[in-house]
Protein backbone atom coordinates (compact mmCIF):
# COMPACT_ATOMS: atom_id res chain seq x y z
CA UNK A 1 136.61 73.94 97.39
CA UNK A 2 134.36 74.93 94.63
CA UNK A 3 133.85 78.72 94.06
CA UNK A 4 129.80 78.16 95.07
CA UNK A 5 130.80 77.05 98.54
CA UNK A 6 133.13 79.84 98.93
CA UNK A 7 130.20 82.13 97.94
CA UNK A 8 127.78 80.57 100.21
CA UNK A 9 129.92 80.77 103.17
CA UNK A 10 130.69 84.31 102.47
CA UNK A 11 127.03 85.15 102.10
CA UNK A 12 125.88 83.35 105.22
CA UNK A 13 128.81 85.15 107.42
CA UNK A 14 127.54 88.58 105.95
CA UNK A 15 123.77 87.91 106.43
CA UNK A 16 122.17 89.17 109.68
CA UNK A 17 121.78 86.36 112.00
CA UNK A 18 123.96 84.07 109.72
CA UNK A 19 127.26 82.34 110.64
CA UNK A 20 130.71 83.19 109.84
CA UNK A 21 131.86 79.58 111.11
CA UNK A 22 132.06 78.09 107.45
CA UNK A 23 134.28 80.95 106.02
CA UNK A 24 136.41 81.75 109.12
CA UNK A 25 137.61 77.97 108.59
CA UNK A 26 138.83 78.77 104.92
CA UNK A 27 140.76 82.33 105.81
CA UNK A 28 143.82 83.56 107.57
CA UNK A 29 142.41 84.32 111.21
CA UNK A 30 144.19 88.20 110.45
CA UNK A 31 141.42 88.08 107.47
CA UNK A 32 138.45 87.43 109.59
CA UNK A 33 138.53 90.64 111.39
CA UNK A 34 137.61 92.31 108.02
CA UNK A 35 134.17 90.75 107.94
CA UNK A 36 133.02 93.52 109.87
CA UNK A 37 134.05 95.89 107.24
CA UNK A 38 131.63 93.96 104.70
CA UNK A 39 128.77 93.31 107.21
CA UNK A 40 128.89 97.25 107.76
CA UNK A 41 128.77 98.06 103.79
CA UNK A 42 126.14 95.53 103.09
CA UNK A 43 123.72 97.37 106.03
CA UNK A 44 124.57 100.52 104.42
CA UNK A 45 123.67 99.36 101.58
CA UNK A 46 120.50 97.77 102.03
CA UNK A 47 119.64 100.78 104.47
CA UNK A 48 120.28 103.27 101.32
CA UNK A 49 118.45 101.05 99.02
CA UNK A 50 115.10 101.39 101.57
CA UNK A 51 115.71 105.22 101.63
CA UNK A 52 115.77 105.54 97.99
CA UNK A 53 112.55 103.65 97.74
CA UNK A 54 110.73 104.67 100.67
CA UNK A 55 111.64 108.44 100.43
CA UNK A 56 108.61 109.93 101.67
CA UNK A 57 108.81 107.67 104.74
CA UNK A 58 112.05 108.66 105.16
CA UNK A 59 111.21 112.30 105.85
CA UNK A 60 107.96 111.36 107.83
CA UNK A 61 110.25 109.70 110.38
CA UNK A 62 113.47 111.49 110.02
CA UNK A 63 116.81 110.59 109.44
CA UNK A 64 117.79 108.83 112.91
CA UNK A 65 114.39 106.87 113.41
CA UNK A 66 114.42 105.51 109.39
CA UNK A 67 118.15 104.30 110.07
CA UNK A 68 116.91 102.25 113.11
CA UNK A 69 113.91 101.12 111.39
CA UNK A 70 115.99 99.90 108.46
CA UNK A 71 118.43 98.53 110.53
CA UNK A 72 115.50 96.22 112.01
CA UNK A 73 114.10 95.26 108.96
CA UNK A 74 117.26 94.00 107.34
CA UNK A 75 118.28 91.83 110.47
CA UNK A 76 114.55 90.29 110.44
CA UNK A 77 114.45 90.49 106.28
CA UNK A 78 117.10 89.63 104.86
CA UNK A 79 117.60 90.00 101.04
CA UNK A 80 117.02 86.84 98.83
CA UNK A 81 117.23 88.50 95.44
CA UNK A 82 120.30 90.14 93.93
CA UNK A 83 118.32 92.53 92.39
CA UNK A 84 118.53 95.73 94.99
CA UNK A 85 115.54 96.90 93.13
CA UNK A 86 113.43 94.32 94.56
CA UNK A 87 114.39 94.53 97.98
CA UNK A 88 111.62 96.07 100.30
CA UNK A 89 108.47 94.55 99.21
CA UNK A 90 107.34 93.55 102.76
CA UNK A 91 108.77 97.16 104.44
CA UNK A 92 105.00 98.50 104.36
CA UNK A 93 103.56 95.34 106.40
CA UNK A 94 106.91 95.90 108.98
CA UNK A 95 106.17 99.43 109.10
CA UNK A 96 102.12 98.12 109.96
CA UNK A 97 103.69 95.71 113.05
CA UNK A 98 105.95 98.85 114.24
CA UNK A 99 102.96 101.23 114.21
CA UNK A 100 100.59 98.53 115.92
CA UNK A 101 103.52 97.28 119.05
CA UNK A 102 105.01 100.68 119.55
CA UNK A 103 102.92 103.41 121.00
CA UNK A 104 105.67 106.07 119.89
CA UNK A 105 104.34 106.00 116.06
CA UNK A 106 100.81 106.06 117.36
CA UNK A 107 100.20 109.49 115.61
CA UNK A 108 101.92 108.12 112.37
CA UNK A 109 99.17 105.61 111.45
CA UNK A 110 99.22 106.71 107.79
CA UNK A 111 102.88 105.45 107.37
CA UNK A 112 102.64 101.92 106.30
CA UNK A 113 99.99 103.16 103.72
CA UNK A 114 102.30 105.83 102.28
CA UNK A 115 105.18 103.00 102.25
CA UNK A 116 102.49 100.85 99.97
CA UNK A 117 101.98 103.78 97.94
CA UNK A 118 105.99 103.90 97.36
CA UNK A 119 106.41 100.72 96.89
CA UNK A 120 103.55 100.92 94.35
CA UNK A 121 105.97 103.59 92.49
CA UNK A 122 108.86 101.39 92.49
CA UNK A 123 106.83 98.76 90.51
CA UNK A 124 105.49 101.04 88.25
CA UNK A 125 108.98 102.26 87.17
CA UNK A 126 110.32 99.11 86.45
CA UNK A 127 107.22 97.52 85.03
CA UNK A 128 106.93 96.09 81.63
CA UNK A 129 105.90 98.40 79.00
CA UNK A 130 102.94 96.03 77.66
CA UNK A 131 101.16 92.71 78.25
CA UNK A 132 101.08 89.64 76.30
CA UNK A 133 97.09 89.80 75.66
CA UNK A 134 94.85 90.44 72.81
CA UNK A 135 94.09 93.60 71.52
CA UNK A 136 90.94 95.67 72.45
CA UNK A 137 89.45 95.46 68.62
CA UNK A 138 89.48 91.44 68.63
CA UNK A 139 87.00 91.47 71.00
CA UNK A 140 84.69 91.98 67.90
CA UNK A 141 85.58 88.41 66.74
CA UNK A 142 84.23 86.80 69.81
CA UNK A 143 81.09 85.02 70.08
CA UNK A 144 78.19 86.69 72.69
CA UNK A 145 78.63 83.73 74.84
CA UNK A 146 82.60 84.64 74.85
CA UNK A 147 81.72 88.33 76.12
CA UNK A 148 80.87 87.04 79.32
CA UNK A 149 84.35 85.48 79.87
CA UNK A 150 86.43 88.71 78.70
CA UNK A 151 88.86 89.75 81.09
CA UNK A 152 90.17 93.26 80.40
CA UNK A 153 93.64 94.01 81.43
CA UNK A 154 95.34 97.05 82.78
CA UNK A 155 99.09 98.11 81.63
CA UNK A 156 101.88 96.63 84.04
CA UNK A 157 102.75 99.99 85.43
CA UNK A 158 99.48 101.00 86.96
CA UNK A 159 98.23 100.14 90.23
CA UNK A 160 94.83 101.22 92.29
CA UNK A 161 94.92 102.07 95.59
CA UNK A 162 92.39 102.34 98.46
CA UNK A 163 93.65 104.01 101.50
CA UNK A 164 91.89 105.59 104.69
CA UNK A 165 94.35 108.62 104.30
CA UNK A 166 95.03 111.01 101.52
CA UNK A 167 97.95 109.40 100.25
CA UNK A 168 97.42 111.61 97.42
CA UNK A 169 97.91 115.07 98.84
CA UNK A 170 100.70 113.65 101.15
CA UNK A 171 102.44 112.80 97.90
CA UNK A 172 102.04 115.90 96.41
CA UNK A 173 103.04 117.68 99.42
CA UNK A 174 106.45 115.97 99.10
CA UNK A 175 106.79 116.86 95.41
CA UNK A 176 107.41 120.35 96.84
CA UNK A 177 104.10 121.23 95.49
CA UNK A 178 101.47 123.13 97.42
CA UNK A 179 98.49 121.32 98.61
CA UNK A 180 95.94 121.40 101.21
CA UNK A 181 95.43 118.00 102.87
CA UNK A 182 91.86 117.12 103.26
CA UNK A 183 91.07 114.49 106.08
CA UNK A 184 87.10 114.67 105.59
CA UNK A 185 86.81 111.78 103.49
CA UNK A 186 86.43 108.08 104.84
CA UNK A 187 88.18 106.54 101.88
CA UNK A 188 90.31 107.96 99.27
CA UNK A 189 90.95 106.25 95.86
CA UNK A 190 94.21 106.92 93.88
CA UNK A 191 96.08 105.59 90.98
CA UNK A 192 100.03 104.83 89.95
CA UNK A 193 100.91 105.03 86.29
CA UNK A 194 104.17 105.59 84.50
CA UNK A 195 103.78 108.55 81.89
CA UNK A 196 105.86 108.41 80.06
CA UNK A 197 108.65 107.63 82.13
CA UNK A 198 107.95 108.46 85.83
CA UNK A 199 105.61 107.14 87.65
CA UNK A 200 103.03 109.52 88.96
CA UNK A 201 100.17 109.54 91.29
CA UNK A 202 97.05 110.73 90.76
CA UNK A 203 93.52 110.77 92.21
CA UNK A 204 90.56 108.42 91.21
CA UNK A 205 86.76 109.14 91.73
CA UNK A 206 85.01 105.83 93.23
CA UNK A 207 82.98 105.12 90.42
CA UNK A 208 86.62 104.94 88.57
CA UNK A 209 87.92 102.92 91.26
CA UNK A 210 85.64 100.03 91.65
CA UNK A 211 85.94 99.43 87.82
CA UNK A 212 89.77 99.54 87.76
CA UNK A 213 90.00 97.76 90.99
CA UNK A 214 87.60 94.90 89.35
CA UNK A 215 89.46 94.74 86.20
CA UNK A 216 92.84 94.86 88.23
CA UNK A 217 91.29 91.83 90.18
CA UNK A 218 90.54 89.83 87.27
CA UNK A 219 86.95 89.72 86.84
CA UNK A 220 85.32 89.21 83.79
CA UNK A 221 82.81 91.35 82.31
CA UNK A 222 79.81 88.82 82.87
CA UNK A 223 80.93 88.57 86.75
CA UNK A 224 81.00 92.55 86.72
CA UNK A 225 77.68 92.64 84.98
CA UNK A 226 76.08 90.25 87.29
CA UNK A 227 76.76 92.36 90.56
CA UNK A 228 75.45 95.59 88.46
CA UNK A 229 78.97 97.21 88.32
CA UNK A 230 79.09 100.42 86.49
CA UNK A 231 81.14 99.94 83.69
CA UNK A 232 80.46 103.16 81.77
CA UNK A 233 83.86 104.56 82.58
CA UNK A 234 85.23 101.70 80.48
CA UNK A 235 85.71 103.63 77.07
CA UNK A 236 87.70 106.14 78.50
CA UNK A 237 90.16 104.18 80.43
CA UNK A 238 90.52 102.01 76.58
CA UNK A 239 91.19 105.61 74.76
CA UNK A 240 93.75 106.64 77.70
CA UNK A 241 95.47 103.07 77.30
CA UNK A 242 95.30 102.37 80.71
CA UNK A 243 93.18 99.12 79.65
CA UNK A 244 95.27 97.92 76.88
CA UNK A 245 93.79 94.37 75.87
CA UNK A 246 91.81 91.56 77.10
CA UNK A 247 91.68 87.77 77.83
CA UNK A 248 89.12 84.99 78.27
CA UNK A 249 88.56 83.63 81.46
CA UNK A 250 91.06 80.90 82.61
CA UNK A 251 93.62 82.01 79.93
CA UNK A 252 96.88 81.89 81.43
CA UNK A 253 98.96 85.51 81.11
CA UNK A 254 102.53 84.39 80.66
C-alpha cells in the first residue's frame, strides 16, 4: 500500500466521526488500541489551539465551559487545513448558534462578537505586510474618467468592525487595563491593525468607520461620491499608511 493511503486511513481514523476500519485492517490488533491515545492528543491540540486564538472567550465562559464548547466544535468542524493557525474561522458562527439555541447562554449575547474580534486579531497577526497594488501617487497619472473607477486599498492587516456591544472596552478590560464599559450606544465601531508587530484594537468614529468600511468592501471613489459618502478623512488614513494604494474597478488583486 502506498504511503498516501496509510496517511489517509490514519487521518480518517483520528477525525471526529471518521472510520478506523481501514487503518485497523493494516495494523496488528494490539496496536489498534493506541488509536485512543492519538485521538485524545488530537483533541487536546485543537482545544489548545482554540484557547490561544480565543483567549477572551475562554476567560468569559471559564475553563470547563470552554472545553465543552471546543470539544463540540472540533467534532462538528473537523480540521481541513494542516496549518493550525487557520483553525477556528467558523468558531464565532458556532458560538452564535449556541447562544441562539441554549438558554444558559442568554446573558452572553456578546460572546460571538467577541470571538469575531479575536479572529480578526488572529488574521491581522498573520496577514501580509503589503498589497500588490498601485501607489497612491500614481493616481495623478490617471485620466479624469479613470478617477471614478479608483478603488482605494487598505493594508492587509487592517480589519474594520461594527458591533452592537462595546467590544473595544471588553477587549481593553482583558488586557488588564482599567476601562469603564459604556453600554449607552446602539452601535460601536472599531478597527484591528498590526502596529508594528502586535495586533491592536482601536475605536473608530462613525464617520471613519463608514469610509474605511466602504474601502474595505471595494467601493470605488465614484460609487462613494454617488451616495454622498463623506470622504474628508481619507487623507489622514493615507498619511497613516492604512490606505496603502489603489487599483481600478475590475482589476484583479492577486
